[in-house]
């Protein structure tokens, strides 16, 4: 359906220009990840996330921080201790494996994992696995030596974690 006087490269260029004009470029919204700062496994995972967060899309807040309860007042302490939670810039809350999927879509190296979690049925299995790991995280931390690994992996100084 291309006209001969309109080369394909021009069609592609006009399509791209039209698509980009529809996109509104706004500063990236910070998403807040709430985690158990007393759990070595959780702390290790947050250190890893801080290094993978190239675009500063996340603020990582331990539950012991004074602002943690202010960020998600509708969640009780017990709920927060059961799983990581991600509070989006719009106020939506993702929990457990769904939080991992949401966060993964914002960190380039985790996009393949997040896309895998979008396959129908996979998130249900991931939630079951996540719940088991969450219930046994302190034991697993000792078995896998997360506390020692935390000592090896340096903490990344991030301003957005202090501001959350």
C-alpha atoms as a PDB file:
ATOM      1  CA  UNK A   1       0.000   0.000   0.000  1.00  0.00           C
ATOM      2  CA  UNK A   2       3.062   2.234  -0.265  1.00  0.00           C
ATOM      3  CA  UNK A   3       3.072   4.876  -2.911  1.00  0.00           C
ATOM      4  CA  UNK A   4       6.091   4.931  -5.187  1.00  0.00           C
ATOM      5  CA  UNK A   5       6.704   8.630  -4.585  1.00  0.00           C
ATOM      6  CA  UNK A   6       6.769   8.070  -0.780  1.00  0.00           C
ATOM      7  CA  UNK A   7       9.830   5.964   0.167  1.00  0.00           C
ATOM      8  CA  UNK A   8       9.456   3.413   3.033  1.00  0.00           C
ATOM      9  CA  UNK A   9      12.084   5.172   5.148  1.00  0.00           C
ATOM     10  CA  UNK A  10       9.983   8.352   5.075  1.00  0.00           C
ATOM     11  CA  UNK A  11       6.926   6.370   6.154  1.00  0.00           C
ATOM     12  CA  UNK A  12       8.862   4.950   9.094  1.00  0.00           C
ATOM     13  CA  UNK A  13      10.181   8.381  10.030  1.00  0.00           C
ATOM     14  CA  UNK A  14       6.737  10.012   9.970  1.00  0.00           C
ATOM     15  CA  UNK A  15       5.284   7.137  12.002  1.00  0.00           C
ATOM     16  CA  UNK A  16       8.008   7.496  14.639  1.00  0.00           C
ATOM     17  CA  UNK A  17       7.611  11.268  14.812  1.00  0.00           C
ATOM     18  CA  UNK A  18       3.851  10.866  15.215  1.00  0.00           C
ATOM     19  CA  UNK A  19       4.284   8.232  17.956  1.00  0.00           C
ATOM     20  CA  UNK A  20       6.832  10.338  19.849  1.00  0.00           C
ATOM     21  CA  UNK A  21       4.578  13.385  19.709  1.00  0.00           C
ATOM     22  CA  UNK A  22       1.912  11.418  21.572  1.00  0.00           C
ATOM     23  CA  UNK A  23       4.316  10.536  24.399  1.00  0.00           C
ATOM     24  CA  UNK A  24       4.470  13.018  27.226  1.00  0.00           C
ATOM     25  CA  UNK A  25       7.942  13.096  28.710  1.00  0.00           C
ATOM     26  CA  UNK A  26       7.640  13.649  32.444  1.00  0.00           C
ATOM     27  CA  UNK A  27      10.145  13.084  35.211  1.00  0.00           C
ATOM     28  CA  UNK A  28      10.115   9.498  36.415  1.00  0.00           C
ATOM     29  CA  UNK A  29       7.898   8.917  39.419  1.00  0.00           C
ATOM     30  CA  UNK A  30       9.582   7.375  42.439  1.00  0.00           C
ATOM     31  CA  UNK A  31       8.176   4.096  43.660  1.00  0.00           C
ATOM     32  CA  UNK A  32       8.735   3.209  47.303  1.00  0.00           C
ATOM     33  CA  UNK A  33       9.740  -0.321  48.272  1.00  0.00           C
ATOM     34  CA  UNK A  34       9.045  -1.202  51.915  1.00  0.00           C
ATOM     35  CA  UNK A  35      11.073  -4.111  53.299  1.00  0.00           C
ATOM     36  CA  UNK A  36      12.072  -5.749  56.581  1.00  0.00           C
ATOM     37  CA  UNK A  37      15.388  -4.134  57.459  1.00  0.00           C
ATOM     38  CA  UNK A  38      15.958  -6.681  60.253  1.00  0.00           C
ATOM     39  CA  UNK A  39      15.960  -9.592  57.797  1.00  0.00           C
ATOM     40  CA  UNK A  40      19.417 -10.303  56.326  1.00  0.00           C
ATOM     41  CA  UNK A  41      17.900 -11.794  53.149  1.00  0.00           C
ATOM     42  CA  UNK A  42      15.663  -8.771  52.595  1.00  0.00           C
ATOM     43  CA  UNK A  43      18.527  -6.371  53.260  1.00  0.00           C
ATOM     44  CA  UNK A  44      20.769  -8.216  50.811  1.00  0.00           C
ATOM     45  CA  UNK A  45      18.054  -8.091  48.114  1.00  0.00           C
ATOM     46  CA  UNK A  46      17.603  -4.350  48.639  1.00  0.00           C
ATOM     47  CA  UNK A  47      21.354  -3.793  48.313  1.00  0.00           C
ATOM     48  CA  UNK A  48      21.255  -5.653  45.007  1.00  0.00           C
ATOM     49  CA  UNK A  49      18.240  -3.605  43.866  1.00  0.00           C
ATOM     50  CA  UNK A  50      20.031  -0.373  44.759  1.00  0.00           C
ATOM     51  CA  UNK A  51      22.825  -1.318  42.340  1.00  0.00           C
ATOM     52  CA  UNK A  52      20.364  -2.353  39.613  1.00  0.00           C
ATOM     53  CA  UNK A  53      18.293   0.840  39.896  1.00  0.00           C
ATOM     54  CA  UNK A  54      20.173   2.759  37.187  1.00  0.00           C
ATOM     55  CA  UNK A  55      17.394   5.296  36.616  1.00  0.00           C
ATOM     56  CA  UNK A  56      16.671   5.983  40.293  1.00  0.00           C
ATOM     57  CA  UNK A  57      13.081   4.798  39.990  1.00  0.00           C
ATOM     58  CA  UNK A  58      12.952   3.299  43.494  1.00  0.00           C
ATOM     59  CA  UNK A  59      13.226   4.521  47.044  1.00  0.00           C
ATOM     60  CA  UNK A  60      14.082   1.633  49.383  1.00  0.00           C
ATOM     61  CA  UNK A  61      12.669   2.131  52.879  1.00  0.00           C
ATOM     62  CA  UNK A  62      13.138  -0.312  55.770  1.00  0.00           C
ATOM     63  CA  UNK A  63      10.113  -0.859  58.011  1.00  0.00           C
ATOM     64  CA  UNK A  64      12.124   0.502  60.941  1.00  0.00           C
ATOM     65  CA  UNK A  65      12.256   3.948  59.286  1.00  0.00           C
ATOM     66  CA  UNK A  66       9.902   6.483  60.908  1.00  0.00           C
ATOM     67  CA  UNK A  67       8.223   7.293  57.578  1.00  0.00           C
ATOM     68  CA  UNK A  68       7.433   3.649  56.700  1.00  0.00           C
ATOM     69  CA  UNK A  69       4.041   3.695  58.436  1.00  0.00           C
ATOM     70  CA  UNK A  70       3.217   7.095  56.910  1.00  0.00           C
ATOM     71  CA  UNK A  71       3.880   5.777  53.402  1.00  0.00           C
ATOM     72  CA  UNK A  72       1.254   3.015  53.675  1.00  0.00           C
ATOM     73  CA  UNK A  73      -0.954   3.784  56.690  1.00  0.00           C
ATOM     74  CA  UNK A  74      -3.615   1.286  55.547  1.00  0.00           C
ATOM     75  CA  UNK A  75      -1.183  -1.602  56.043  1.00  0.00           C
ATOM     76  CA  UNK A  76      -0.552  -3.006  59.503  1.00  0.00           C
ATOM     77  CA  UNK A  77       2.905  -3.918  60.753  1.00  0.00           C
ATOM     78  CA  UNK A  78       2.159  -7.651  60.433  1.00  0.00           C
ATOM     79  CA  UNK A  79       1.114  -7.219  56.792  1.00  0.00           C
ATOM     80  CA  UNK A  80       4.303  -5.300  56.067  1.00  0.00           C
ATOM     81  CA  UNK A  81       6.455  -7.989  57.715  1.00  0.00           C
ATOM     82  CA  UNK A  82       4.907 -10.772  55.605  1.00  0.00           C
ATOM     83  CA  UNK A  83       6.185  -9.482  52.254  1.00  0.00           C
ATOM     84  CA  UNK A  84       7.880  -6.602  50.481  1.00  0.00           C
ATOM     85  CA  UNK A  85       5.494  -3.927  49.324  1.00  0.00           C
ATOM     86  CA  UNK A  86       5.905  -1.420  46.534  1.00  0.00           C
ATOM     87  CA  UNK A  87       3.896   1.794  46.744  1.00  0.00           C
ATOM     88  CA  UNK A  88       3.702   3.411  43.320  1.00  0.00           C
ATOM     89  CA  UNK A  89       3.837   7.128  42.677  1.00  0.00           C
ATOM     90  CA  UNK A  90       0.059   6.983  42.153  1.00  0.00           C
ATOM     91  CA  UNK A  91      -0.492   5.268  45.520  1.00  0.00           C
ATOM     92  CA  UNK A  92      -1.202   1.745  44.285  1.00  0.00           C
ATOM     93  CA  UNK A  93       0.338  -0.993  46.449  1.00  0.00           C
ATOM     94  CA  UNK A  94       1.885  -4.196  45.088  1.00  0.00           C
ATOM     95  CA  UNK A  95       2.820  -7.027  47.450  1.00  0.00           C
ATOM     96  CA  UNK A  96       5.139 -10.039  47.279  1.00  0.00           C
ATOM     97  CA  UNK A  97       5.736 -11.517  43.810  1.00  0.00           C
ATOM     98  CA  UNK A  98       3.574  -8.827  42.226  1.00  0.00           C
ATOM     99  CA  UNK A  99       5.855  -6.196  43.776  1.00  0.00           C
ATOM    100  CA  UNK A 100       8.846  -8.017  42.300  1.00  0.00           C
ATOM    101  CA  UNK A 101       7.136  -8.023  38.897  1.00  0.00           C
ATOM    102  CA  UNK A 102       6.312  -4.313  39.129  1.00  0.00           C
ATOM    103  CA  UNK A 103       9.825  -3.360  40.262  1.00  0.00           C
ATOM    104  CA  UNK A 104      11.399  -5.646  37.665  1.00  0.00           C
ATOM    105  CA  UNK A 105       9.718  -3.772  34.828  1.00  0.00           C
ATOM    106  CA  UNK A 106      11.540  -0.626  35.960  1.00  0.00           C
ATOM    107  CA  UNK A 107      15.047  -2.098  36.260  1.00  0.00           C
ATOM    108  CA  UNK A 108      16.588  -2.973  32.878  1.00  0.00           C
ATOM    109  CA  UNK A 109      18.414  -6.112  33.999  1.00  0.00           C
ATOM    110  CA  UNK A 110      15.274  -7.497  35.671  1.00  0.00           C
ATOM    111  CA  UNK A 111      12.893  -6.912  32.756  1.00  0.00           C
ATOM    112  CA  UNK A 112      13.240 -10.528  31.496  1.00  0.00           C
ATOM    113  CA  UNK A 113      12.248 -11.835  34.949  1.00  0.00           C
ATOM    114  CA  UNK A 114       9.315  -9.422  35.105  1.00  0.00           C
ATOM    115  CA  UNK A 115       8.152 -10.410  31.616  1.00  0.00           C
ATOM    116  CA  UNK A 116       8.309 -14.083  32.620  1.00  0.00           C
ATOM    117  CA  UNK A 117       6.046 -13.253  35.589  1.00  0.00           C
ATOM    118  CA  UNK A 118       3.460 -11.847  33.136  1.00  0.00           C
ATOM    119  CA  UNK A 119       2.956 -15.258  31.483  1.00  0.00           C
ATOM    120  CA  UNK A 120      -0.529 -16.424  32.514  1.00  0.00           C
ATOM    121  CA  UNK A 121      -0.422 -18.600  35.620  1.00  0.00           C
ATOM    122  CA  UNK A 122       3.224 -17.913  36.457  1.00  0.00           C
ATOM    123  CA  UNK A 123       2.405 -15.172  38.975  1.00  0.00           C
ATOM    124  CA  UNK A 124       0.196 -17.590  40.941  1.00  0.00           C
ATOM    125  CA  UNK A 125       3.057 -20.071  41.277  1.00  0.00           C
ATOM    126  CA  UNK A 126       5.448 -17.202  42.061  1.00  0.00           C
ATOM    127  CA  UNK A 127       3.150 -16.028  44.884  1.00  0.00           C
ATOM    128  CA  UNK A 128       3.141 -19.511  46.446  1.00  0.00           C
ATOM    129  CA  UNK A 129       6.944 -19.723  46.211  1.00  0.00           C
ATOM    130  CA  UNK A 130       7.270 -16.170  47.552  1.00  0.00           C
ATOM    131  CA  UNK A 131       5.029 -16.967  50.556  1.00  0.00           C
ATOM    132  CA  UNK A 132       7.120 -20.032  51.404  1.00  0.00           C
ATOM    133  CA  UNK A 133      10.377 -18.075  51.147  1.00  0.00           C
ATOM    134  CA  UNK A 134       8.887 -15.226  53.201  1.00  0.00           C
ATOM    135  CA  UNK A 135       7.800 -17.577  55.992  1.00  0.00           C
ATOM    136  CA  UNK A 136      11.255 -19.202  56.078  1.00  0.00           C
ATOM    137  CA  UNK A 137      13.426 -16.181  55.272  1.00  0.00           C
ATOM    138  CA  UNK A 138      15.326 -16.057  58.558  1.00  0.00           C
ATOM    139  CA  UNK A 139      16.273 -19.731  58.280  1.00  0.00           C
ATOM    140  CA  UNK A 140      17.167 -19.289  54.599  1.00  0.00           C
ATOM    141  CA  UNK A 141      19.280 -16.252  55.508  1.00  0.00           C
ATOM    142  CA  UNK A 142      21.365 -18.422  57.834  1.00  0.00           C
ATOM    143  CA  UNK A 143      21.602 -21.300  55.338  1.00  0.00           C
ATOM    144  CA  UNK A 144      22.706 -19.089  52.433  1.00  0.00           C
ATOM    145  CA  UNK A 145      24.809 -16.747  54.555  1.00  0.00           C
ATOM    146  CA  UNK A 146      22.993 -13.557  53.586  1.00  0.00           C
ATOM    147  CA  UNK A 147      24.449 -11.701  56.539  1.00  0.00           C
ATOM    148  CA  UNK A 148      27.979 -12.463  55.348  1.00  0.00           C
ATOM    149  CA  UNK A 149      27.041 -11.571  51.772  1.00  0.00           C
ATOM    150  CA  UNK A 150      25.675  -8.248  52.997  1.00  0.00           C
ATOM    151  CA  UNK A 151      29.064  -7.497  54.521  1.00  0.00           C
ATOM    152  CA  UNK A 152      30.734  -8.155  51.144  1.00  0.00           C
ATOM    153  CA  UNK A 153      28.293  -6.213  48.954  1.00  0.00           C
ATOM    154  CA  UNK A 154      28.852  -2.513  49.612  1.00  0.00           C
ATOM    155  CA  UNK A 155      25.871  -0.313  50.294  1.00  0.00           C
ATOM    156  CA  UNK A 156      25.209   2.257  47.590  1.00  0.00           C
ATOM    157  CA  UNK A 157      24.624   5.768  48.897  1.00  0.00           C
ATOM    158  CA  UNK A 158      21.297   6.921  47.462  1.00  0.00           C
ATOM    159  CA  UNK A 159      19.562  10.214  48.190  1.00  0.00           C
ATOM    160  CA  UNK A 160      16.108   8.933  47.212  1.00  0.00           C
ATOM    161  CA  UNK A 161      16.190   6.350  50.029  1.00  0.00           C
ATOM    162  CA  UNK A 162      16.675   9.127  52.594  1.00  0.00           C
ATOM    163  CA  UNK A 163      13.906  11.317  51.175  1.00  0.00           C
ATOM    164  CA  UNK A 164      11.167   8.674  51.124  1.00  0.00           C
END
